[in-house]
C-alpha atoms as a PDB file:
ATOM      1  CA  UNK A   1     151.270 -91.415 -30.286  1.00  0.00           C
ATOM      2  CA  UNK A   2     147.890 -89.897 -30.046  1.00  0.00           C
ATOM      3  CA  UNK A   3     146.558 -87.140 -31.490  1.00  0.00           C
ATOM      4  CA  UNK A   4     148.331 -85.008 -34.923  1.00  0.00           C
ATOM      5  CA  UNK A   5     150.119 -81.751 -34.191  1.00  0.00           C
ATOM      6  CA  UNK A   6     148.208 -78.775 -35.712  1.00  0.00           C
ATOM      7  CA  UNK A   7     149.923 -76.768 -38.403  1.00  0.00           C
ATOM      8  CA  UNK A   8     150.568 -73.803 -36.517  1.00  0.00           C
ATOM      9  CA  UNK A   9     152.091 -75.672 -33.602  1.00  0.00           C
ATOM     10  CA  UNK A  10     154.966 -76.920 -35.974  1.00  0.00           C
ATOM     11  CA  UNK A  11     158.580 -75.640 -35.236  1.00  0.00           C
ATOM     12  CA  UNK A  12     159.921 -73.425 -37.550  1.00  0.00           C
ATOM     13  CA  UNK A  13     163.500 -73.513 -39.137  1.00  0.00           C
ATOM     14  CA  UNK A  14     165.846 -70.554 -39.740  1.00  0.00           C
ATOM     15  CA  UNK A  15     164.906 -71.035 -43.667  1.00  0.00           C
ATOM     16  CA  UNK A  16     161.434 -70.251 -42.697  1.00  0.00           C
ATOM     17  CA  UNK A  17     162.450 -67.142 -40.609  1.00  0.00           C
ATOM     18  CA  UNK A  18     164.804 -65.537 -43.297  1.00  0.00           C
ATOM     19  CA  UNK A  19     161.894 -65.798 -45.681  1.00  0.00           C
ATOM     20  CA  UNK A  20     159.385 -64.019 -43.190  1.00  0.00           C
ATOM     21  CA  UNK A  21     162.068 -61.152 -42.467  1.00  0.00           C
ATOM     22  CA  UNK A  22     162.807 -60.875 -46.180  1.00  0.00           C
ATOM     23  CA  UNK A  23     159.066 -60.230 -46.465  1.00  0.00           C
ATOM     24  CA  UNK A  24     159.149 -57.710 -43.474  1.00  0.00           C
ATOM     25  CA  UNK A  25     162.184 -56.212 -45.484  1.00  0.00           C
ATOM     26  CA  UNK A  26     159.908 -55.672 -48.877  1.00  0.00           C
ATOM     27  CA  UNK A  27     157.078 -54.421 -46.753  1.00  0.00           C
ATOM     28  CA  UNK A  28     159.291 -51.985 -45.180  1.00  0.00           C
ATOM     29  CA  UNK A  29     160.202 -50.821 -48.800  1.00  0.00           C
ATOM     30  CA  UNK A  30     156.755 -50.771 -50.156  1.00  0.00           C
ATOM     31  CA  UNK A  31     156.159 -48.444 -47.012  1.00  0.00           C
ATOM     32  CA  UNK A  32     154.095 -50.691 -45.063  1.00  0.00           C
ATOM     33  CA  UNK A  33     156.120 -50.757 -41.922  1.00  0.00           C
ATOM     34  CA  UNK A  34     158.553 -48.038 -40.724  1.00  0.00           C
ATOM     35  CA  UNK A  35     161.963 -49.035 -39.291  1.00  0.00           C
ATOM     36  CA  UNK A  36     161.050 -49.174 -35.456  1.00  0.00           C
ATOM     37  CA  UNK A  37     158.309 -51.639 -36.332  1.00  0.00           C
ATOM     38  CA  UNK A  38     160.617 -53.580 -38.595  1.00  0.00           C
ATOM     39  CA  UNK A  39     163.299 -53.990 -35.757  1.00  0.00           C
ATOM     40  CA  UNK A  40     160.835 -55.664 -33.346  1.00  0.00           C
ATOM     41  CA  UNK A  41     158.884 -57.808 -35.956  1.00  0.00           C
ATOM     42  CA  UNK A  42     162.349 -58.970 -36.971  1.00  0.00           C
ATOM     43  CA  UNK A  43     163.226 -59.869 -33.041  1.00  0.00           C
ATOM     44  CA  UNK A  44     160.132 -61.553 -32.724  1.00  0.00           C
ATOM     45  CA  UNK A  45     160.483 -63.699 -36.024  1.00  0.00           C
ATOM     46  CA  UNK A  46     163.762 -64.772 -34.784  1.00  0.00           C
ATOM     47  CA  UNK A  47     162.459 -65.566 -31.600  1.00  0.00           C
ATOM     48  CA  UNK A  48     159.764 -67.332 -32.738  1.00  0.00           C
ATOM     49  CA  UNK A  49     159.336 -71.353 -32.668  1.00  0.00           C
ATOM     50  CA  UNK A  50     156.309 -72.293 -34.422  1.00  0.00           C
ATOM     51  CA  UNK A  51     154.841 -71.569 -37.328  1.00  0.00           C
ATOM     52  CA  UNK A  52     151.577 -69.924 -35.438  1.00  0.00           C
ATOM     53  CA  UNK A  53     154.112 -67.391 -33.777  1.00  0.00           C
ATOM     54  CA  UNK A  54     155.661 -66.663 -37.150  1.00  0.00           C
ATOM     55  CA  UNK A  55     152.442 -66.060 -39.186  1.00  0.00           C
ATOM     56  CA  UNK A  56     151.397 -63.617 -36.012  1.00  0.00           C
ATOM     57  CA  UNK A  57     154.112 -61.309 -37.506  1.00  0.00           C
ATOM     58  CA  UNK A  58     152.818 -61.041 -40.667  1.00  0.00           C
ATOM     59  CA  UNK A  59     149.332 -61.242 -40.400  1.00  0.00           C
ATOM     60  CA  UNK A  60     148.031 -57.723 -40.467  1.00  0.00           C
ATOM     61  CA  UNK A  61     150.516 -57.115 -43.516  1.00  0.00           C
ATOM     62  CA  UNK A  62     149.101 -57.287 -47.121  1.00  0.00           C
ATOM     63  CA  UNK A  63     150.810 -58.925 -49.875  1.00  0.00           C
ATOM     64  CA  UNK A  64     153.365 -57.064 -51.370  1.00  0.00           C
ATOM     65  CA  UNK A  65     152.512 -55.659 -55.177  1.00  0.00           C
ATOM     66  CA  UNK A  66     154.285 -57.883 -57.709  1.00  0.00           C
ATOM     67  CA  UNK A  67     157.614 -56.342 -58.936  1.00  0.00           C
ATOM     68  CA  UNK A  68     157.368 -54.562 -62.290  1.00  0.00           C
ATOM     69  CA  UNK A  69     157.817 -56.509 -65.459  1.00  0.00           C
ATOM     70  CA  UNK A  70     161.788 -56.014 -66.777  1.00  0.00           C
ATOM     71  CA  UNK A  71     161.811 -53.308 -69.415  1.00  0.00           C
ATOM     72  CA  UNK A  72     161.941 -54.833 -73.054  1.00  0.00           C
ATOM     73  CA  UNK A  73     165.521 -55.165 -74.263  1.00  0.00           C
ATOM     74  CA  UNK A  74     166.121 -52.441 -77.010  1.00  0.00           C
ATOM     75  CA  UNK A  75     167.136 -54.263 -80.340  1.00  0.00           C
ATOM     76  CA  UNK A  76     169.160 -52.544 -83.014  1.00  0.00           C
ATOM     77  CA  UNK A  77     168.823 -55.335 -85.502  1.00  0.00           C
ATOM     78  CA  UNK A  78     165.594 -57.737 -86.139  1.00  0.00           C
ATOM     79  CA  UNK A  79     166.097 -61.449 -85.614  1.00  0.00           C
ATOM     80  CA  UNK A  80     165.325 -62.237 -89.299  1.00  0.00           C
ATOM     81  CA  UNK A  81     167.932 -62.725 -92.389  1.00  0.00           C
ATOM     82  CA  UNK A  82     167.903 -58.951 -92.848  1.00  0.00           C
ATOM     83  CA  UNK A  83     169.173 -58.178 -89.113  1.00  0.00           C
ATOM     84  CA  UNK A  84     171.481 -60.901 -89.164  1.00  0.00           C
ATOM     85  CA  UNK A  85     173.242 -59.580 -92.182  1.00  0.00           C
ATOM     86  CA  UNK A  86     172.928 -56.035 -91.217  1.00  0.00           C
ATOM     87  CA  UNK A  87     174.745 -56.951 -87.978  1.00  0.00           C
ATOM     88  CA  UNK A  88     177.287 -58.876 -89.786  1.00  0.00           C
ATOM     89  CA  UNK A  89     177.828 -56.166 -92.072  1.00  0.00           C
ATOM     90  CA  UNK A  90     178.060 -53.417 -89.551  1.00  0.00           C
ATOM     91  CA  UNK A  91     180.197 -55.631 -87.434  1.00  0.00           C
ATOM     92  CA  UNK A  92     182.974 -56.163 -90.394  1.00  0.00           C
ATOM     93  CA  UNK A  93     182.822 -52.570 -91.369  1.00  0.00           C
ATOM     94  CA  UNK A  94     183.271 -51.182 -88.065  1.00  0.00           C
ATOM     95  CA  UNK A  95     186.274 -53.918 -87.251  1.00  0.00           C
ATOM     96  CA  UNK A  96     187.916 -52.461 -90.416  1.00  0.00           C
ATOM     97  CA  UNK A  97     187.604 -49.075 -89.679  1.00  0.00           C
ATOM     98  CA  UNK A  98     188.786 -49.332 -86.198  1.00  0.00           C
ATOM     99  CA  UNK A  99     191.845 -51.263 -87.382  1.00  0.00           C
ATOM    100  CA  UNK A 100     192.655 -48.871 -90.262  1.00  0.00           C
ATOM    101  CA  UNK A 101     192.355 -45.818 -87.684  1.00  0.00           C
ATOM    102  CA  UNK A 102     194.669 -47.330 -85.004  1.00  0.00           C
ATOM    103  CA  UNK A 103     197.071 -48.363 -88.193  1.00  0.00           C
ATOM    104  CA  UNK A 104     196.683 -45.005 -89.493  1.00  0.00           C
ATOM    105  CA  UNK A 105     197.429 -43.385 -86.148  1.00  0.00           C
ATOM    106  CA  UNK A 106     200.646 -45.234 -85.730  1.00  0.00           C
ATOM    107  CA  UNK A 107     201.983 -44.654 -88.970  1.00  0.00           C
ATOM    108  CA  UNK A 108     201.283 -40.877 -88.265  1.00  0.00           C
ATOM    109  CA  UNK A 109     203.091 -40.865 -85.451  1.00  0.00           C
ATOM    110  CA  UNK A 110     206.156 -42.899 -86.828  1.00  0.00           C
ATOM    111  CA  UNK A 111     206.545 -40.965 -90.215  1.00  0.00           C
ATOM    112  CA  UNK A 112     207.865 -37.387 -90.461  1.00  0.00           C
ATOM    113  CA  UNK A 113     205.024 -35.825 -92.703  1.00  0.00           C
ATOM    114  CA  UNK A 114     201.521 -36.003 -93.118  1.00  0.00           C
ATOM    115  CA  UNK A 115     199.722 -38.824 -93.713  1.00  0.00           C
ATOM    116  CA  UNK A 116     196.484 -38.935 -95.714  1.00  0.00           C
ATOM    117  CA  UNK A 117     193.851 -40.551 -93.693  1.00  0.00           C
ATOM    118  CA  UNK A 118     192.985 -43.413 -95.954  1.00  0.00           C
ATOM    119  CA  UNK A 119     190.437 -44.656 -93.227  1.00  0.00           C
ATOM    120  CA  UNK A 120     188.051 -42.230 -94.803  1.00  0.00           C
ATOM    121  CA  UNK A 121     187.732 -44.420 -97.850  1.00  0.00           C
ATOM    122  CA  UNK A 122     185.338 -46.589 -95.951  1.00  0.00           C
ATOM    123  CA  UNK A 123     182.798 -43.495 -95.435  1.00  0.00           C
ATOM    124  CA  UNK A 124     181.141 -44.726 -98.863  1.00  0.00           C
ATOM    125  CA  UNK A 125     180.540 -48.352 -97.614  1.00  0.00           C
ATOM    126  CA  UNK A 126     178.991 -46.792 -94.273  1.00  0.00           C
ATOM    127  CA  UNK A 127     176.754 -44.464 -95.766  1.00  0.00           C
ATOM    128  CA  UNK A 128     175.480 -47.733 -97.958  1.00  0.00           C
ATOM    129  CA  UNK A 129     174.905 -49.631 -94.571  1.00  0.00           C
ATOM    130  CA  UNK A 130     173.226 -46.398 -93.036  1.00  0.00           C
ATOM    131  CA  UNK A 131     170.886 -45.812 -96.186  1.00  0.00           C
ATOM    132  CA  UNK A 132     170.160 -49.589 -95.977  1.00  0.00           C
ATOM    133  CA  UNK A 133     169.241 -49.418 -92.225  1.00  0.00           C
ATOM    134  CA  UNK A 134     167.057 -46.118 -92.688  1.00  0.00           C
ATOM    135  CA  UNK A 135     164.975 -47.536 -95.412  1.00  0.00           C
ATOM    136  CA  UNK A 136     164.212 -50.527 -93.018  1.00  0.00           C
ATOM    137  CA  UNK A 137     166.344 -53.137 -93.707  1.00  0.00           C
ATOM    138  CA  UNK A 138     167.538 -55.171 -90.521  1.00  0.00           C
ATOM    139  CA  UNK A 139     165.553 -52.879 -88.142  1.00  0.00           C
ATOM    140  CA  UNK A 140     163.275 -54.593 -85.806  1.00  0.00           C
ATOM    141  CA  UNK A 141     159.472 -53.893 -86.249  1.00  0.00           C
ATOM    142  CA  UNK A 142     157.859 -51.203 -83.869  1.00  0.00           C
ATOM    143  CA  UNK A 143     156.131 -53.216 -81.570  1.00  0.00           C
ATOM    144  CA  UNK A 144     152.163 -51.412 -81.095  1.00  0.00           C
ATOM    145  CA  UNK A 145     151.951 -49.467 -77.976  1.00  0.00           C
END
């Protein structure tokens, strides 16, 4: 038990080999390697026994660029009290209209004559919600570009 083993002489695991192969796969995706070179290097990765051999496979590859940030989520309503109120009122209104349209459709099929579409009486309350939203109540604030 004399001298310590250097880092490049340490044995590698399959997990480390998989991580290097994934880095090679990303390099192909970024255009840094072609498929033939990827295949050659992937074989060398799985034949590598030490960290030095594994490092040799990727030593000429630059670090891949970071992934782009996720796109901001589009919000219809704000997180404040006005947005919560508008979200609840809109959900209730849409639910009532949907139930009325379904019931009206069923009654229309069962009855002999034409049935007045009573769900149109929800239009004024829908218009009120639309006007409130158009004036800015419950809308998220626009962020500066």
